[in-house]
């Protein structure tokens, strides 16, 4: 998949004030703190460990096949069911030493981190060290939590999956087959897609406002050049390790729109992307405010697209096209 380059508006290229304004409103993620670069897991006796240093994806050699990154903000109620689905699949498809789950607690005000550690200690299919929990000191947003997790995984492949469990985890098998089929020089991304469900009850029975905003957002995406992926926002995307390094080292957007920047970066870097149909169902308790977050996503999309067009955002190394 390749996104065609879009020329910057002449006013932005020649107007220093406009360029400066764009730079000021662009996304500038804060550096991670020392405590955020650590994780806790559970021992054989079930007790939580002291904080341990997280590996760094960009320099650490992979030691297992699949890492699962779960961004979680105030998810103590929905997280256990998602973990059950994930662990049951992973334990049947991989050796115990060949998978991990990294829960990134995005500055939660509830006991999300404790719930994850309790699950790791009590669920019979989990062995010590398979589930790790990293805690961000302050909320970053879903994109920030995903990026943080992807920068600290041990797998040759890494997937991020929403904590609500809306996707069926066994669909990882189809994503893995698909990404291995398109990999180029070790780079590949498989995007879970719900586009095939557009006429099913799961979508049709959603509120009028929710569906209106969904279609409006898709129309907006096409105007900025994102046309080849029908479902950009599904929280189920699988990356080869090289693709994860190339994309998430440069990712700047920390809010809901981060999926779009992931695809833009993949296009700029020449990383193959394949869209794969996955199962999905509506889950109560969404953190998305339909109106305010839709407005914010539209604004962020404009900032991201303009940022790359005029050079406020730079495309770093990595990828077959770089």
Protein backbone atom coordinates (compact mmCIF):
# COMPACT_ATOMS: atom_id res chain seq x y z
CA UNK A 1 0.00 0.00 0.00
CA UNK A 2 1.27 3.46 -0.83
CA UNK A 3 -0.19 6.84 0.02
CA UNK A 4 0.48 9.42 -2.71
CA UNK A 5 2.37 12.48 -1.59
CA UNK A 6 0.34 15.63 -1.19
CA UNK A 7 1.88 18.99 -1.96
CA UNK A 8 1.75 21.53 0.84
CA UNK A 9 -0.42 24.59 0.38
CA UNK A 10 1.81 27.39 -0.95
CA UNK A 11 0.75 29.68 1.90
CA UNK A 12 2.23 27.29 4.46
CA UNK A 13 5.46 26.78 2.53
CA UNK A 14 6.10 30.50 2.03
CA UNK A 15 4.54 31.97 5.17
CA UNK A 16 6.83 31.67 8.21
CA UNK A 17 4.01 32.65 10.57
CA UNK A 18 1.79 29.85 9.28
CA UNK A 19 4.66 27.35 9.55
CA UNK A 20 5.38 28.46 13.12
CA UNK A 21 1.71 28.18 14.07
CA UNK A 22 1.56 24.64 12.70
CA UNK A 23 4.70 23.76 14.63
CA UNK A 24 3.14 25.10 17.83
CA UNK A 25 -0.07 23.07 17.49
CA UNK A 26 1.70 19.93 16.27
CA UNK A 27 1.94 16.89 18.53
CA UNK A 28 5.01 16.79 20.74
CA UNK A 29 4.88 13.67 22.95
CA UNK A 30 6.60 13.99 26.31
CA UNK A 31 9.59 11.71 26.93
CA UNK A 32 8.91 8.64 29.03
CA UNK A 33 9.99 8.75 32.66
CA UNK A 34 12.27 6.28 34.44
CA UNK A 35 9.35 4.57 36.18
CA UNK A 36 7.42 4.25 32.90
CA UNK A 37 10.32 2.31 31.43
CA UNK A 38 9.77 -0.45 33.97
CA UNK A 39 7.23 -3.24 34.38
CA UNK A 40 5.94 -5.54 37.08
CA UNK A 41 4.89 -9.14 36.72
CA UNK A 42 4.17 -12.01 39.11
CA UNK A 43 6.36 -14.66 40.67
CA UNK A 44 5.67 -18.39 40.91
CA UNK A 45 4.07 -17.77 44.32
CA UNK A 46 1.72 -15.20 42.78
CA UNK A 47 3.20 -12.10 44.40
CA UNK A 48 4.00 -9.04 42.29
CA UNK A 49 7.65 -8.41 41.53
CA UNK A 50 9.49 -5.18 42.10
CA UNK A 51 9.78 -2.91 39.02
CA UNK A 52 12.05 -4.37 36.33
CA UNK A 53 13.53 -2.54 33.32
CA UNK A 54 11.61 -2.95 30.07
CA UNK A 55 13.56 -4.06 27.00
CA UNK A 56 13.93 -1.52 24.21
CA UNK A 57 12.51 -2.80 20.92
CA UNK A 58 14.94 -0.82 18.77
CA UNK A 59 18.02 -2.44 20.35
CA UNK A 60 16.77 -5.67 21.94
CA UNK A 61 16.96 -8.93 19.98
CA UNK A 62 13.58 -10.73 19.93
CA UNK A 63 13.28 -13.72 22.23
CA UNK A 64 9.73 -14.91 21.47
CA UNK A 65 7.26 -15.00 18.60
CA UNK A 66 4.35 -12.75 19.60
CA UNK A 67 3.97 -9.76 21.89
CA UNK A 68 0.50 -8.41 22.69
CA UNK A 69 0.26 -4.76 23.71
CA UNK A 70 -2.95 -3.84 25.55
CA UNK A 71 -3.53 -0.10 26.15
CA UNK A 72 -5.78 0.22 29.18
CA UNK A 73 -7.30 3.30 30.77
CA UNK A 74 -9.68 2.64 33.68
CA UNK A 75 -10.39 -0.86 32.34
CA UNK A 76 -10.64 -2.87 35.57
CA UNK A 77 -14.13 -4.10 34.61
CA UNK A 78 -13.54 -5.09 30.97
CA UNK A 79 -9.88 -6.17 31.01
CA UNK A 80 -10.24 -9.65 32.61
CA UNK A 81 -12.60 -10.99 29.93
CA UNK A 82 -10.28 -9.74 27.19
CA UNK A 83 -7.29 -11.38 28.89
CA UNK A 84 -9.14 -14.69 29.19
CA UNK A 85 -9.83 -14.71 25.43
CA UNK A 86 -6.24 -13.74 24.62
CA UNK A 87 -4.55 -16.20 26.96
CA UNK A 88 -6.73 -19.13 25.93
CA UNK A 89 -5.79 -18.59 22.28
CA UNK A 90 -2.11 -17.86 22.92
CA UNK A 91 -1.62 -20.88 25.18
CA UNK A 92 -3.14 -23.15 22.52
CA UNK A 93 -1.27 -21.66 19.56
CA UNK A 94 2.19 -21.03 21.05
CA UNK A 95 4.62 -22.54 23.50
CA UNK A 96 4.54 -20.95 26.98
CA UNK A 97 7.90 -19.28 26.32
CA UNK A 98 6.83 -17.92 22.93
CA UNK A 99 4.31 -15.20 23.83
CA UNK A 100 3.83 -12.28 26.19
CA UNK A 101 1.16 -9.73 27.05
CA UNK A 102 2.22 -6.19 27.97
CA UNK A 103 -0.61 -4.23 29.59
CA UNK A 104 0.08 -0.50 29.45
CA UNK A 105 -1.92 1.24 32.16
CA UNK A 106 -2.44 4.71 30.67
CA UNK A 107 -2.47 6.66 33.94
CA UNK A 108 -5.67 5.04 35.19
CA UNK A 109 -7.44 6.37 38.26
CA UNK A 110 -8.83 2.92 39.08
CA UNK A 111 -7.08 -0.39 39.88
CA UNK A 112 -6.45 -1.50 36.28
CA UNK A 113 -2.82 -2.39 36.97
CA UNK A 114 -3.68 -4.39 40.08
CA UNK A 115 -6.45 -6.25 38.22
CA UNK A 116 -3.97 -7.23 35.49
CA UNK A 117 -1.43 -8.48 38.02
CA UNK A 118 -4.11 -10.37 39.94
CA UNK A 119 -5.21 -12.03 36.71
CA UNK A 120 -1.60 -13.00 35.95
CA UNK A 121 -1.29 -14.60 39.38
CA UNK A 122 -4.60 -16.46 39.39
CA UNK A 123 -5.37 -17.58 35.84
CA UNK A 124 -4.17 -21.19 35.47
CA UNK A 125 -2.82 -20.88 31.90
CA UNK A 126 -0.46 -18.01 32.76
CA UNK A 127 3.11 -18.73 33.85
CA UNK A 128 5.33 -16.22 35.69
CA UNK A 129 6.55 -13.41 33.46
CA UNK A 130 4.08 -13.94 30.60
CA UNK A 131 1.95 -10.95 31.57
CA UNK A 132 3.78 -7.71 32.25
CA UNK A 133 2.26 -4.44 33.43
CA UNK A 134 3.73 -1.01 32.72
CA UNK A 135 2.14 2.07 34.30
CA UNK A 136 2.27 5.54 32.77
CA UNK A 137 2.48 8.31 35.35
CA UNK A 138 0.06 10.52 33.44
CA UNK A 139 -2.56 9.73 30.82
CA UNK A 140 -1.20 10.01 27.28
CA UNK A 141 -4.11 8.75 25.20
CA UNK A 142 -4.55 5.46 23.39
CA UNK A 143 -1.92 6.23 20.76
CA UNK A 144 0.63 7.15 23.40
CA UNK A 145 -0.04 3.97 25.37
CA UNK A 146 0.20 1.78 22.26
CA UNK A 147 3.43 3.45 21.13
CA UNK A 148 4.95 3.05 24.59
CA UNK A 149 4.14 -0.65 24.60
CA UNK A 150 5.40 -1.21 21.06
CA UNK A 151 8.73 0.38 21.97
CA UNK A 152 9.24 -2.23 24.70
CA UNK A 153 8.29 -5.65 23.31
CA UNK A 154 10.24 -8.90 23.02
CA UNK A 155 8.41 -10.50 20.08
CA UNK A 156 9.32 -11.00 16.43
CA UNK A 157 5.77 -9.84 15.86
CA UNK A 158 3.66 -7.49 17.96
CA UNK A 159 -0.06 -6.78 17.96
CA UNK A 160 -2.02 -4.17 19.84
CA UNK A 161 -5.49 -5.14 21.00
CA UNK A 162 -8.12 -3.06 22.77
CA UNK A 163 -8.82 -3.89 26.40
CA UNK A 164 -12.57 -4.08 25.80
CA UNK A 165 -12.32 -7.46 24.07
CA UNK A 166 -14.43 -6.36 21.10
CA UNK A 167 -12.28 -8.39 18.71
CA UNK A 168 -12.05 -12.18 18.75
CA UNK A 169 -8.47 -12.98 19.64
CA UNK A 170 -8.26 -16.15 17.57
CA UNK A 171 -8.29 -13.86 14.50
CA UNK A 172 -4.60 -13.29 15.26
CA UNK A 173 -3.93 -16.46 13.28
CA UNK A 174 -5.35 -14.90 10.10
CA UNK A 175 -3.44 -11.66 10.70
CA UNK A 176 -0.19 -13.58 11.18
CA UNK A 177 -0.65 -15.58 7.98
CA UNK A 178 -1.49 -12.42 6.05
CA UNK A 179 1.41 -10.31 7.31
CA UNK A 180 3.90 -13.08 6.58
CA UNK A 181 2.49 -13.24 3.06
CA UNK A 182 3.22 -9.57 2.32
CA UNK A 183 6.42 -8.95 4.30
CA UNK A 184 9.17 -7.21 2.39
CA UNK A 185 12.68 -7.14 3.83
CA UNK A 186 11.17 -8.05 7.20
CA UNK A 187 8.61 -5.20 7.13
CA UNK A 188 4.88 -5.84 7.16
CA UNK A 189 1.63 -4.76 8.84
CA UNK A 190 -1.71 -6.61 9.00
CA UNK A 191 -4.70 -4.38 9.78
CA UNK A 192 -7.77 -5.98 11.34
CA UNK A 193 -10.87 -4.75 9.53
CA UNK A 194 -14.59 -4.58 10.28
CA UNK A 195 -15.45 -3.23 6.83
CA UNK A 196 -17.12 -6.52 5.87
CA UNK A 197 -19.60 -5.97 8.72
CA UNK A 198 -20.96 -2.65 7.48
CA UNK A 199 -24.41 -4.09 6.71
CA UNK A 200 -24.63 -6.42 9.72
CA UNK A 201 -26.65 -5.84 12.88
CA UNK A 202 -23.45 -4.99 14.77
CA UNK A 203 -23.22 -1.77 12.75
CA UNK A 204 -26.77 -1.13 11.54
CA UNK A 205 -28.19 -1.15 15.08
CA UNK A 206 -25.71 1.42 16.36
CA UNK A 207 -27.01 4.91 16.99
CA UNK A 208 -27.69 7.22 14.05
CA UNK A 209 -25.15 9.75 15.37
CA UNK A 210 -22.43 7.10 15.72
CA UNK A 211 -22.94 5.83 12.17
CA UNK A 212 -23.17 9.36 10.76
CA UNK A 213 -19.86 10.28 12.36
CA UNK A 214 -18.29 7.04 11.11
CA UNK A 215 -19.26 7.71 7.49
CA UNK A 216 -18.25 11.37 7.75
CA UNK A 217 -14.84 10.38 9.10
CA UNK A 218 -14.29 7.90 6.28
CA UNK A 219 -15.15 10.61 3.76
CA UNK A 220 -12.65 12.96 5.42
CA UNK A 221 -9.95 10.29 5.26
CA UNK A 222 -10.40 9.93 1.52
CA UNK A 223 -9.93 13.68 1.03
CA UNK A 224 -6.46 13.50 2.65
CA UNK A 225 -5.33 10.47 0.68
CA UNK A 226 -6.12 7.51 2.98
CA UNK A 227 -8.14 5.42 0.54
CA UNK A 228 -6.69 1.93 0.43
CA UNK A 229 -7.64 0.81 3.94
CA UNK A 230 -11.39 0.69 4.49
CA UNK A 231 -11.29 0.40 8.30
CA UNK A 232 -8.48 2.46 9.79
CA UNK A 233 -9.73 2.52 13.39
CA UNK A 234 -10.04 -1.16 14.31
CA UNK A 235 -7.95 -1.71 17.44
CA UNK A 236 -6.36 -4.91 16.18
CA UNK A 237 -3.17 -4.37 14.15
CA UNK A 238 -0.21 -6.74 13.82
CA UNK A 239 3.34 -5.59 13.03
CA UNK A 240 6.53 -7.39 12.15
CA UNK A 241 9.26 -6.28 14.53
CA UNK A 242 11.00 -4.19 11.89
CA UNK A 243 7.73 -2.47 11.00
CA UNK A 244 6.99 -1.75 14.66
CA UNK A 245 10.41 -0.16 15.10
CA UNK A 246 10.09 1.91 11.93
CA UNK A 247 6.61 3.20 12.71
CA UNK A 248 6.50 3.68 16.47
CA UNK A 249 9.88 5.33 16.82
CA UNK A 250 8.51 8.17 14.67
CA UNK A 251 4.87 8.23 15.80
CA UNK A 252 3.84 11.56 17.32
CA UNK A 253 0.08 11.39 17.71
CA UNK A 254 -1.08 10.15 21.11
CA UNK A 255 -4.85 10.48 20.70
CA UNK A 256 -7.48 8.45 18.82
CA UNK A 257 -6.18 9.49 15.39
CA UNK A 258 -2.84 7.68 15.88
CA UNK A 259 -4.02 4.78 13.65
CA UNK A 260 -4.03 7.19 10.69
CA UNK A 261 -0.47 8.33 11.37
CA UNK A 262 0.57 4.66 11.60
CA UNK A 263 -0.79 4.10 8.08
CA UNK A 264 0.69 7.33 6.75
CA UNK A 265 4.12 6.40 8.08
CA UNK A 266 3.80 2.92 6.61
CA UNK A 267 3.02 4.47 3.24
CA UNK A 268 5.88 6.95 3.40
CA UNK A 269 8.34 4.19 4.38
CA UNK A 270 7.09 1.70 1.79
CA UNK A 271 5.96 -0.86 4.37
CA UNK A 272 3.46 -3.38 2.94
CA UNK A 273 0.02 -3.25 4.59
CA UNK A 274 -2.69 -5.89 4.24
CA UNK A 275 -6.28 -5.51 5.49
CA UNK A 276 -7.77 -8.66 7.06
CA UNK A 277 -11.44 -9.21 8.01
CA UNK A 278 -11.87 -9.90 11.73
CA UNK A 279 -14.76 -10.64 14.07
CA UNK A 280 -16.03 -7.76 16.17
CA UNK A 281 -18.90 -6.92 18.50
CA UNK A 282 -20.04 -3.78 20.29
CA UNK A 283 -18.95 -3.61 23.94
CA UNK A 284 -20.48 -1.24 26.48
CA UNK A 285 -18.29 1.21 28.33
CA UNK A 286 -16.52 3.00 25.46
CA UNK A 287 -14.20 5.84 26.46
CA UNK A 288 -14.96 7.68 23.20
CA UNK A 289 -17.10 10.81 23.45
CA UNK A 290 -18.76 10.76 20.04
CA UNK A 291 -19.02 14.49 19.41
CA UNK A 292 -16.04 16.03 21.19
CA UNK A 293 -13.62 13.24 20.25
CA UNK A 294 -14.80 13.28 16.63
CA UNK A 295 -14.06 17.01 16.44
CA UNK A 296 -10.67 16.42 18.05
CA UNK A 297 -9.90 13.58 15.61
CA UNK A 298 -10.77 15.77 12.63
CA UNK A 299 -8.52 18.54 13.96
CA UNK A 300 -5.66 16.12 14.69
CA UNK A 301 -5.99 14.58 11.24
CA UNK A 302 -5.51 17.99 9.65
CA UNK A 303 -2.50 18.73 11.84
CA UNK A 304 -0.87 15.37 11.04
CA UNK A 305 -1.42 15.63 7.29
CA UNK A 306 -0.21 19.23 7.13
CA UNK A 307 2.71 18.42 9.44
CA UNK A 308 4.09 15.82 7.04
CA UNK A 309 3.29 17.92 3.97
CA UNK A 310 5.33 20.92 5.09
CA UNK A 311 8.07 19.13 7.02
CA UNK A 312 7.05 19.92 10.59
CA UNK A 313 6.92 16.14 10.96
CA UNK A 314 9.87 14.26 9.47
CA UNK A 315 9.81 10.67 8.23
CA UNK A 316 12.66 8.84 9.92
CA UNK A 317 14.65 5.82 8.73
CA UNK A 318 13.37 2.28 8.39
CA UNK A 319 11.25 0.57 5.78
CA UNK A 320 11.83 -0.75 2.26
CA UNK A 321 11.13 2.70 0.83
CA UNK A 322 13.70 4.57 2.95
